[in-house]
Amino acid sequence: MVHPYLGLPPECFWRTGVAQNGSTSIESIYQKRFTIEPEDQILTAGRCFAEHIARELKSHSFQLLDLEPPPIELPCNLHQLYGYSLYSARYGNIYTAK
């Protein structure tokens, strides 16, 4: 059987890389690849995680692209109901890249 986890070392899995390791440090499981600056433009797409990370980034003054802003006359309390202000456009939840 072929799957994306085939052949990965033990540190790539939660149980063997974190839980059984007993370490509270993330240095062994995370390596920073790039920096996101507050002035960088960020696009979000996905599901719950994308929605939550977008909200968190906005709360810290990061620049999230909103390519499909809500109509001015739409009250803020109705934005989410009509799919506005969740992601960078109104494409709804994206469950797979395929």
PDB file of N, CA and C in Angstrom:
ATOM      1  N   MET A   1       0.835  -1.179   0.000  1.00  0.00           N
ATOM      2  CA  MET A   1       0.000   0.000   0.000  1.00  0.00           C
ATOM      3  C   MET A   1       0.882   1.246   0.000  1.00  0.00           C
ATOM      4  N   VAL A   2       0.562   2.189  -0.860  1.00  0.00           N
ATOM      5  CA  VAL A   2       1.341   3.427  -0.971  1.00  0.00           C
ATOM      6  C   VAL A   2       0.534   4.572  -0.348  1.00  0.00           C
ATOM      7  N   HIS A   3       1.181   5.340   0.526  1.00  0.00           N
ATOM      8  CA  HIS A   3       0.542   6.494   1.152  1.00  0.00           C
ATOM      9  C   HIS A   3       1.618   7.529   1.475  1.00  0.00           C
ATOM     10  N   PRO A   4       1.224   8.775   1.755  1.00  0.00           N
ATOM     11  CA  PRO A   4       2.230   9.834   1.961  1.00  0.00           C
ATOM     12  C   PRO A   4       3.097   9.670   3.197  1.00  0.00           C
ATOM     13  N   TYR A   5       2.749   8.764   4.103  1.00  0.00           N
ATOM     14  CA  TYR A   5       3.522   8.576   5.330  1.00  0.00           C
ATOM     15  C   TYR A   5       4.533   7.442   5.221  1.00  0.00           C
ATOM     16  N   LEU A   6       4.531   6.760   4.104  1.00  0.00           N
ATOM     17  CA  LEU A   6       5.409   5.617   3.890  1.00  0.00           C
ATOM     18  C   LEU A   6       6.878   6.050   3.926  1.00  0.00           C
ATOM     19  N   GLY A   7       7.646   5.428   4.775  1.00  0.00           N
ATOM     20  CA  GLY A   7       9.086   5.674   4.816  1.00  0.00           C
ATOM     21  C   GLY A   7       9.521   6.882   5.624  1.00  0.00           C
ATOM     22  N   LEU A   8       8.596   7.571   6.280  1.00  0.00           N
ATOM     23  CA  LEU A   8       8.993   8.726   7.089  1.00  0.00           C
ATOM     24  C   LEU A   8       9.612   8.263   8.405  1.00  0.00           C
ATOM     25  N   PRO A   9      10.585   9.016   8.921  1.00  0.00           N
ATOM     26  CA  PRO A   9      11.217   8.635  10.188  1.00  0.00           C
ATOM     27  C   PRO A   9      10.256   8.817  11.358  1.00  0.00           C
ATOM     28  N   PRO A  10      10.525   8.155  12.494  1.00  0.00           N
ATOM     29  CA  PRO A  10       9.636   8.201  13.661  1.00  0.00           C
ATOM     30  C   PRO A  10       9.306   9.613  14.150  1.00  0.00           C
ATOM     31  N   GLU A  11      10.246  10.539  14.015  1.00  0.00           N
ATOM     32  CA  GLU A  11       9.997  11.898  14.518  1.00  0.00           C
ATOM     33  C   GLU A  11       8.930  12.656  13.721  1.00  0.00           C
ATOM     34  N   CYS A  12       8.487  12.090  12.615  1.00  0.00           N
ATOM     35  CA  CYS A  12       7.445  12.717  11.803  1.00  0.00           C
ATOM     36  C   CYS A  12       6.032  12.368  12.267  1.00  0.00           C
ATOM     37  N   PHE A  13       5.906  11.568  13.276  1.00  0.00           N
ATOM     38  CA  PHE A  13       4.602  11.131  13.765  1.00  0.00           C
ATOM     39  C   PHE A  13       4.391  11.606  15.192  1.00  0.00           C
ATOM     40  N   TRP A  14       3.138  11.883  15.546  1.00  0.00           N
ATOM     41  CA  TRP A  14       2.829  12.429  16.863  1.00  0.00           C
ATOM     42  C   TRP A  14       3.297  11.519  17.996  1.00  0.00           C
ATOM     43  N   ARG A  15       2.913  10.262  17.949  1.00  0.00           N
ATOM     44  CA  ARG A  15       3.224   9.365  19.063  1.00  0.00           C
ATOM     45  C   ARG A  15       4.727   9.211  19.249  1.00  0.00           C
ATOM     46  N   THR A  16       5.430   8.867  18.194  1.00  0.00           N
ATOM     47  CA  THR A  16       6.867   8.597  18.329  1.00  0.00           C
ATOM     48  C   THR A  16       7.724   9.862  18.286  1.00  0.00           C
ATOM     49  N   GLY A  17       7.212  10.917  17.699  1.00  0.00           N
ATOM     50  CA  GLY A  17       7.999  12.147  17.600  1.00  0.00           C
ATOM     51  C   GLY A  17       7.775  13.121  18.731  1.00  0.00           C
ATOM     52  N   VAL A  18       6.597  13.046  19.359  1.00  0.00           N
ATOM     53  CA  VAL A  18       6.266  14.012  20.399  1.00  0.00           C
ATOM     54  C   VAL A  18       5.856  13.321  21.700  1.00  0.00           C
ATOM     55  N   ALA A  19       4.772  12.558  21.682  1.00  0.00           N
ATOM     56  CA  ALA A  19       4.198  11.988  22.905  1.00  0.00           C
ATOM     57  C   ALA A  19       5.174  11.078  23.641  1.00  0.00           C
ATOM     58  N   GLN A  20       5.784  10.133  22.956  1.00  0.00           N
ATOM     59  CA  GLN A  20       6.705   9.203  23.609  1.00  0.00           C
ATOM     60  C   GLN A  20       8.058   9.835  23.884  1.00  0.00           C
ATOM     61  N   ASN A  21       8.358  10.904  23.178  1.00  0.00           N
ATOM     62  CA  ASN A  21       9.625  11.594  23.337  1.00  0.00           C
ATOM     63  C   ASN A  21       9.694  12.296  24.692  1.00  0.00           C
ATOM     64  N   GLY A  22       8.537  12.773  25.196  1.00  0.00           N
ATOM     65  CA  GLY A  22       8.494  13.434  26.489  1.00  0.00           C
ATOM     66  C   GLY A  22       9.046  14.843  26.480  1.00  0.00           C
ATOM     67  N   SER A  23       9.416  15.323  25.342  1.00  0.00           N
ATOM     68  CA  SER A  23       9.997  16.658  25.253  1.00  0.00           C
ATOM     69  C   SER A  23       8.899  17.705  25.086  1.00  0.00           C
ATOM     70  N   THR A  24       9.082  18.846  25.717  1.00  0.00           N
ATOM     71  CA  THR A  24       8.162  19.961  25.519  1.00  0.00           C
ATOM     72  C   THR A  24       8.735  20.962  24.524  1.00  0.00           C
ATOM     73  N   SER A  25       9.864  20.658  23.972  1.00  0.00           N
ATOM     74  CA  SER A  25      10.529  21.522  23.002  1.00  0.00           C
ATOM     75  C   SER A  25      10.112  21.138  21.586  1.00  0.00           C
ATOM     76  N   ILE A  26       9.947  22.139  20.712  1.00  0.00           N
ATOM     77  CA  ILE A  26       9.559  21.847  19.332  1.00  0.00           C
ATOM     78  C   ILE A  26      10.746  21.881  18.368  1.00  0.00           C
ATOM     79  N   GLU A  27      11.930  22.175  18.859  1.00  0.00           N
ATOM     80  CA  GLU A  27      13.091  22.288  17.980  1.00  0.00           C
ATOM     81  C   GLU A  27      13.327  21.030  17.141  1.00  0.00           C
ATOM     82  N   SER A  28      13.037  19.881  17.705  1.00  0.00           N
ATOM     83  CA  SER A  28      13.304  18.642  16.973  1.00  0.00           C
ATOM     84  C   SER A  28      12.225  18.302  15.946  1.00  0.00           C
ATOM     85  N   ILE A  29      11.068  18.965  16.034  1.00  0.00           N
ATOM     86  CA  ILE A  29       9.999  18.625  15.089  1.00  0.00           C
ATOM     87  C   ILE A  29       9.608  19.779  14.172  1.00  0.00           C
ATOM     88  N   TYR A  30      10.135  20.965  14.414  1.00  0.00           N
ATOM     89  CA  TYR A  30       9.773  22.119  13.591  1.00  0.00           C
ATOM     90  C   TYR A  30      11.006  22.913  13.216  1.00  0.00           C
ATOM     91  N   GLN A  31      11.116  23.246  11.937  1.00  0.00           N
ATOM     92  CA  GLN A  31      12.191  24.107  11.461  1.00  0.00           C
ATOM     93  C   GLN A  31      11.564  25.227  10.652  1.00  0.00           C
ATOM     94  N   LYS A  32      11.785  26.446  11.076  1.00  0.00           N
ATOM     95  CA  LYS A  32      11.226  27.613  10.395  1.00  0.00           C
ATOM     96  C   LYS A  32      11.813  27.713   8.990  1.00  0.00           C
ATOM     97  N   ARG A  33      10.939  27.848   7.995  1.00  0.00           N
ATOM     98  CA  ARG A  33      11.390  27.926   6.605  1.00  0.00           C
ATOM     99  C   ARG A  33      11.352  29.337   6.047  1.00  0.00           C
ATOM    100  N   PHE A  34      10.474  30.171   6.570  1.00  0.00           N
ATOM    101  CA  PHE A  34      10.370  31.542   6.081  1.00  0.00           C
ATOM    102  C   PHE A  34       9.715  32.395   7.157  1.00  0.00           C
ATOM    103  N   THR A  35       9.787  33.693   6.983  1.00  0.00           N
ATOM    104  CA  THR A  35       9.196  34.640   7.915  1.00  0.00           C
ATOM    105  C   THR A  35       8.058  35.359   7.228  1.00  0.00           C
ATOM    106  N   ILE A  36       6.969  35.541   7.938  1.00  0.00           N
ATOM    107  CA  ILE A  36       5.860  36.340   7.433  1.00  0.00           C
ATOM    108  C   ILE A  36       5.903  37.669   8.165  1.00  0.00           C
ATOM    109  N   GLU A  37       6.077  38.725   7.416  1.00  0.00           N
ATOM    110  CA  GLU A  37       6.125  40.067   7.990  1.00  0.00           C
ATOM    111  C   GLU A  37       4.721  40.670   7.981  1.00  0.00           C
ATOM    112  N   PRO A  38       4.423  41.574   8.913  1.00  0.00           N
ATOM    113  CA  PRO A  38       3.086  42.183   8.945  1.00  0.00           C
ATOM    114  C   PRO A  38       2.686  42.875   7.647  1.00  0.00           C
ATOM    115  N   GLU A  39       3.644  43.352   6.874  1.00  0.00           N
ATOM    116  CA  GLU A  39       3.310  44.037   5.619  1.00  0.00           C
ATOM    117  C   GLU A  39       3.146  43.078   4.429  1.00  0.00           C
ATOM    118  N   ASP A  40       3.474  41.804   4.609  1.00  0.00           N
ATOM    119  CA  ASP A  40       3.272  40.810   3.540  1.00  0.00           C
ATOM    120  C   ASP A  40       1.777  40.591   3.320  1.00  0.00           C
ATOM    121  N   GLN A  41       1.399  40.405   2.056  1.00  0.00           N
ATOM    122  CA  GLN A  41       0.005  40.108   1.751  1.00  0.00           C
ATOM    123  C   GLN A  41      -0.209  38.599   1.832  1.00  0.00           C
ATOM    124  N   ILE A  42      -1.251  38.187   2.538  1.00  0.00           N
ATOM    125  CA  ILE A  42      -1.519  36.777   2.797  1.00  0.00           C
ATOM    126  C   ILE A  42      -2.883  36.411   2.239  1.00  0.00           C
ATOM    127  N   LEU A  43      -2.951  35.281   1.573  1.00  0.00           N
ATOM    128  CA  LEU A  43      -4.203  34.753   1.040  1.00  0.00           C
ATOM    129  C   LEU A  43      -4.577  33.517   1.826  1.00  0.00           C
ATOM    130  N   THR A  44      -5.839  33.340   2.173  1.00  0.00           N
ATOM    131  CA  THR A  44      -6.267  32.161   2.915  1.00  0.00           C
ATOM    132  C   THR A  44      -7.280  31.357   2.113  1.00  0.00           C
ATOM    133  N   ALA A  45      -7.202  30.054   2.259  1.00  0.00           N
ATOM    134  CA  ALA A  45      -8.143  29.122   1.627  1.00  0.00           C
ATOM    135  C   ALA A  45      -8.102  27.840   2.426  1.00  0.00           C
ATOM    136  N   GLY A  46      -9.213  27.161   2.500  1.00  0.00           N
ATOM    137  CA  GLY A  46      -9.218  25.885   3.200  1.00  0.00           C
ATOM    138  C   GLY A  46     -10.507  25.632   3.935  1.00  0.00           C
ATOM    139  N   ARG A  47     -10.372  25.247   5.193  1.00  0.00           N
ATOM    140  CA  ARG A  47     -11.531  24.946   6.038  1.00  0.00           C
ATOM    141  C   ARG A  47     -11.376  25.687   7.349  1.00  0.00           C
ATOM    142  N   CYS A  48     -11.685  25.021   8.414  1.00  0.00           N
ATOM    143  CA  CYS A  48     -11.689  25.647   9.740  1.00  0.00           C
ATOM    144  C   CYS A  48     -10.344  26.274  10.098  1.00  0.00           C
ATOM    145  N   PHE A  49      -9.254  25.553   9.838  1.00  0.00           N
ATOM    146  CA  PHE A  49      -7.943  26.082  10.204  1.00  0.00           C
ATOM    147  C   PHE A  49      -7.679  27.391   9.469  1.00  0.00           C
ATOM    148  N   ALA A  50      -8.002  27.448   8.180  1.00  0.00           N
ATOM    149  CA  ALA A  50      -7.774  28.673   7.397  1.00  0.00           C
ATOM    150  C   ALA A  50      -8.601  29.833   7.945  1.00  0.00           C
ATOM    151  N   GLU A  51      -9.810  29.531   8.342  1.00  0.00           N
ATOM    152  CA  GLU A  51     -10.678  30.570   8.913  1.00  0.00           C
ATOM    153  C   GLU A  51     -10.110  31.077  10.229  1.00  0.00           C
ATOM    154  N   HIS A  52      -9.672  30.165  11.096  1.00  0.00           N
ATOM    155  CA  HIS A  52      -9.141  30.561  12.407  1.00  0.00           C
ATOM    156  C   HIS A  52      -7.800  31.276  12.285  1.00  0.00           C
ATOM    157  N   ILE A  53      -6.941  30.796  11.400  1.00  0.00           N
ATOM    158  CA  ILE A  53      -5.634  31.448  11.249  1.00  0.00           C
ATOM    159  C   ILE A  53      -5.799  32.839  10.637  1.00  0.00           C
ATOM    160  N   ALA A  54      -6.768  32.995   9.723  1.00  0.00           N
ATOM    161  CA  ALA A  54      -7.036  34.316   9.140  1.00  0.00           C
ATOM    162  C   ALA A  54      -7.484  35.287  10.226  1.00  0.00           C
ATOM    163  N   ARG A  55      -8.388  34.848  11.076  1.00  0.00           N
ATOM    164  CA  ARG A  55      -8.877  35.692  12.165  1.00  0.00           C
ATOM    165  C   ARG A  55      -7.724  36.093  13.091  1.00  0.00           C
ATOM    166  N   GLU A  56      -6.860  35.137  13.398  1.00  0.00           N
ATOM    167  CA  GLU A  56      -5.730  35.414  14.294  1.00  0.00           C
ATOM    168  C   GLU A  56      -4.734  36.374  13.641  1.00  0.00           C
ATOM    169  N   LEU A  57      -4.434  36.162  12.366  1.00  0.00           N
ATOM    170  CA  LEU A  57      -3.508  37.055  11.669  1.00  0.00           C
ATOM    171  C   LEU A  57      -4.066  38.477  11.587  1.00  0.00           C
ATOM    172  N   LYS A  58      -5.370  38.603  11.299  1.00  0.00           N
ATOM    173  CA  LYS A  58      -5.997  39.937  11.263  1.00  0.00           C
ATOM    174  C   LYS A  58      -5.884  40.616  12.620  1.00  0.00           C
ATOM    175  N   SER A  59      -6.086  39.859  13.686  1.00  0.00           N
ATOM    176  CA  SER A  59      -6.036  40.445  15.026  1.00  0.00           C
ATOM    177  C   SER A  59      -4.631  40.934  15.384  1.00  0.00           C
ATOM    178  N   HIS A  60      -3.624  40.456  14.649  1.00  0.00           N
ATOM    179  CA  HIS A  60      -2.245  40.898  14.868  1.00  0.00           C
ATOM    180  C   HIS A  60      -1.761  41.823  13.743  1.00  0.00           C
ATOM    181  N   SER A  61      -2.713  42.426  13.035  1.00  0.00           N
ATOM    182  CA  SER A  61      -2.451  43.455  12.013  1.00  0.00           C
ATOM    183  C   SER A  61      -1.709  42.959  10.783  1.00  0.00           C
ATOM    184  N   PHE A  62      -1.811  41.668  10.462  1.00  0.00           N
ATOM    185  CA  PHE A  62      -1.244  41.181   9.205  1.00  0.00           C
ATOM    186  C   PHE A  62      -2.186  41.552   8.070  1.00  0.00           C
ATOM    187  N   GLN A  63      -1.645  41.644   6.862  1.00  0.00           N
ATOM    188  CA  GLN A  63      -2.394  42.085   5.688  1.00  0.00           C
ATOM    189  C   GLN A  63      -2.979  40.889   4.946  1.00  0.00           C
ATOM    190  N   LEU A  64      -4.233  40.563   5.224  1.00  0.00           N
ATOM    191  CA  LEU A  64      -4.890  39.459   4.523  1.00  0.00           C
ATOM    192  C   LEU A  64      -5.627  39.994   3.305  1.00  0.00           C
ATOM    193  N   LEU A  65      -5.406  39.352   2.171  1.00  0.00           N
ATOM    194  CA  LEU A  65      -6.099  39.758   0.956  1.00  0.00           C
ATOM    195  C   LEU A  65      -7.578  39.416   1.076  1.00  0.00           C
ATOM    196  N   ASP A  66      -8.420  40.348   0.713  1.00  0.00           N
ATOM    197  CA  ASP A  66      -9.860  40.113   0.637  1.00  0.00           C
ATOM    198  C   ASP A  66     -10.265  40.500  -0.775  1.00  0.00           C
ATOM    199  N   LEU A  67     -10.252  39.519  -1.671  1.00  0.00           N
ATOM    200  CA  LEU A  67     -10.504  39.767  -3.080  1.00  0.00           C
ATOM    201  C   LEU A  67     -11.985  39.830  -3.424  1.00  0.00           C
ATOM    202  N   GLU A  68     -12.819  39.531  -2.448  1.00  0.00           N
ATOM    203  CA  GLU A  68     -14.258  39.584  -2.646  1.00  0.00           C
ATOM    204  C   GLU A  68     -14.917  40.155  -1.378  1.00  0.00           C
ATOM    205  N   PRO A  69     -14.703  41.454  -1.147  1.00  0.00           N
ATOM    206  CA  PRO A  69     -15.236  42.063   0.075  1.00  0.00           C
ATOM    207  C   PRO A  69     -16.767  42.119   0.053  1.00  0.00           C
ATOM    208  N   PRO A  70     -17.353  42.179   1.236  1.00  0.00           N
ATOM    209  CA  PRO A  70     -18.821  42.244   1.301  1.00  0.00           C
ATOM    210  C   PRO A  70     -19.332  43.577   0.777  1.00  0.00           C
ATOM    211  N   PRO A  71     -20.564  43.602   0.297  1.00  0.00           N
ATOM    212  CA  PRO A  71     -21.156  44.876  -0.111  1.00  0.00           C
ATOM    213  C   PRO A  71     -21.219  45.833   1.083  1.00  0.00           C
ATOM    214  N   ILE A  72     -21.024  47.084   0.849  1.00  0.00           N
ATOM    215  CA  ILE A  72     -21.009  48.084   1.923  1.00  0.00           C
ATOM    216  C   ILE A  72     -22.301  48.063   2.726  1.00  0.00           C
ATOM    217  N   GLU A  73     -23.414  47.807   2.042  1.00  0.00           N
ATOM    218  CA  GLU A  73     -24.704  47.847   2.735  1.00  0.00           C
ATOM    219  C   GLU A  73     -25.000  46.584   3.562  1.00  0.00           C
ATOM    220  N   LEU A  74     -24.156  45.544   3.450  1.00  0.00           N
ATOM    221  CA  LEU A  74     -24.379  44.316   4.218  1.00  0.00           C
ATOM    222  C   LEU A  74     -23.845  44.491   5.635  1.00  0.00           C
ATOM    223  N   PRO A  75     -24.709  44.395   6.647  1.00  0.00           N
ATOM    224  CA  PRO A  75     -24.245  44.560   8.034  1.00  0.00           C
ATOM    225  C   PRO A  75     -23.183  43.508   8.403  1.00  0.00           C
ATOM    226  N   CYS A  76     -22.242  43.885   9.247  1.00  0.00           N
ATOM    227  CA  CYS A  76     -21.143  43.000   9.652  1.00  0.00           C
ATOM    228  C   CYS A  76     -21.641  41.678  10.234  1.00  0.00           C
ATOM    229  N   ASN A  77     -22.759  41.708  10.959  1.00  0.00           N
ATOM    230  CA  ASN A  77     -23.241  40.481  11.580  1.00  0.00           C
ATOM    231  C   ASN A  77     -23.784  39.478  10.549  1.00  0.00           C
ATOM    232  N   LEU A  78     -23.897  39.880   9.278  1.00  0.00           N
ATOM    233  CA  LEU A  78     -24.354  38.973   8.224  1.00  0.00           C
ATOM    234  C   LEU A  78     -23.232  38.525   7.283  1.00  0.00           C
ATOM    235  N   HIS A  79     -22.024  39.024   7.473  1.00  0.00           N
ATOM    236  CA  HIS A  79     -20.901  38.667   6.587  1.00  0.00           C
ATOM    237  C   HIS A  79     -20.701  37.160   6.513  1.00  0.00           C
ATOM    238  N   GLN A  80     -20.545  36.505   7.651  1.00  0.00           N
ATOM    239  CA  GLN A  80     -20.272  35.064   7.653  1.00  0.00           C
ATOM    240  C   GLN A  80     -21.439  34.267   7.094  1.00  0.00           C
ATOM    241  N   LEU A  81     -22.645  34.690   7.380  1.00  0.00           N
ATOM    242  CA  LEU A  81     -23.820  33.987   6.880  1.00  0.00           C
ATOM    243  C   LEU A  81     -23.799  33.874   5.356  1.00  0.00           C
ATOM    244  N   TYR A  82     -23.288  34.911   4.696  1.00  0.00           N
ATOM    245  CA  TYR A  82     -23.234  34.924   3.233  1.00  0.00           C
ATOM    246  C   TYR A  82     -21.831  34.622   2.691  1.00  0.00           C
ATOM    247  N   GLY A  83     -20.954  34.133   3.532  1.00  0.00           N
ATOM    248  CA  GLY A  83     -19.634  33.691   3.087  1.00  0.00           C
ATOM    249  C   GLY A  83     -18.604  34.780   2.915  1.00  0.00           C
ATOM    250  N   TYR A  84     -18.844  35.949   3.450  1.00  0.00           N
ATOM    251  CA  TYR A  84     -17.865  37.037   3.367  1.00  0.00           C
ATOM    252  C   TYR A  84     -16.973  37.038   4.608  1.00  0.00           C
ATOM    253  N   SER A  85     -15.797  37.613   4.452  1.00  0.00           N
ATOM    254  CA  SER A  85     -14.871  37.853   5.572  1.00  0.00           C
ATOM    255  C   SER A  85     -14.377  36.585   6.258  1.00  0.00           C
ATOM    256  N   LEU A  86     -14.466  35.444   5.591  1.00  0.00           N
ATOM    257  CA  LEU A  86     -13.942  34.190   6.137  1.00  0.00           C
ATOM    258  C   LEU A  86     -12.586  33.851   5.535  1.00  0.00           C
ATOM    259  N   TYR A  87     -12.502  33.940   4.219  1.00  0.00           N
ATOM    260  CA  TYR A  87     -11.282  33.625   3.464  1.00  0.00           C
ATOM    261  C   TYR A  87     -10.973  34.807   2.551  1.00  0.00           C
ATOM    262  N   SER A  88     -10.031  34.651   1.667  1.00  0.00           N
ATOM    263  CA  SER A  88      -9.664  35.738   0.766  1.00  0.00           C
ATOM    264  C   SER A  88     -10.673  35.935  -0.360  1.00  0.00           C
ATOM    265  N   ALA A  89     -11.577  35.001  -0.542  1.00  0.00           N
ATOM    266  CA  ALA A  89     -12.673  35.127  -1.502  1.00  0.00           C
ATOM    267  C   ALA A  89     -13.802  34.219  -1.023  1.00  0.00           C
ATOM    268  N   ARG A  90     -14.946  34.255  -1.677  1.00  0.00           N
ATOM    269  CA  ARG A  90     -16.111  33.487  -1.218  1.00  0.00           C
ATOM    270  C   ARG A  90     -16.155  32.109  -1.866  1.00  0.00           C
ATOM    271  N   TYR A  91     -15.087  31.346  -1.783  1.00  0.00           N
ATOM    272  CA  TYR A  91     -15.094  30.009  -2.368  1.00  0.00           C
ATOM    273  C   TYR A  91     -15.539  28.943  -1.383  1.00  0.00           C
ATOM    274  N   GLY A  92     -15.901  29.303  -0.173  1.00  0.00           N
ATOM    275  CA  GLY A  92     -16.384  28.325   0.801  1.00  0.00           C
ATOM    276  C   GLY A  92     -15.267  27.418   1.282  1.00  0.00           C
ATOM    277  N   ASN A  93     -15.641  26.338   1.940  1.00  0.00           N
ATOM    278  CA  ASN A  93     -14.660  25.373   2.446  1.00  0.00           C
ATOM    279  C   ASN A  93     -14.035  24.590   1.309  1.00  0.00           C
ATOM    280  N   ILE A  94     -12.737  24.385   1.391  1.00  0.00           N
ATOM    281  CA  ILE A  94     -12.008  23.569   0.429  1.00  0.00           C
ATOM    282  C   ILE A  94     -11.522  22.349   1.191  1.00  0.00           C
ATOM    283  N   TYR A  95     -12.022  21.192   0.834  1.00  0.00           N
ATOM    284  CA  TYR A  95     -11.706  19.972   1.589  1.00  0.00           C
ATOM    285  C   TYR A  95     -10.470  19.255   1.066  1.00  0.00           C
ATOM    286  N   THR A  96     -10.214  19.327  -0.231  1.00  0.00           N
ATOM    287  CA  THR A  96      -9.014  18.706  -0.800  1.00  0.00           C
ATOM    288  C   THR A  96      -8.472  19.592  -1.896  1.00  0.00           C
ATOM    289  N   ALA A  97      -7.188  19.481  -2.163  1.00  0.00           N
ATOM    290  CA  ALA A  97      -6.580  20.262  -3.238  1.00  0.00           C
ATOM    291  C   ALA A  97      -6.974  19.727  -4.595  1.00  0.00           C
ATOM    292  N   LYS A  98      -7.353  18.472  -4.637  1.00  0.00           N
ATOM    293  CA  LYS A  98      -7.729  17.865  -5.893  1.00  0.00           C
ATOM    294  C   LYS A  98      -9.031  18.441  -6.380  1.00  0.00           C
TER     295      LYS A  98
END
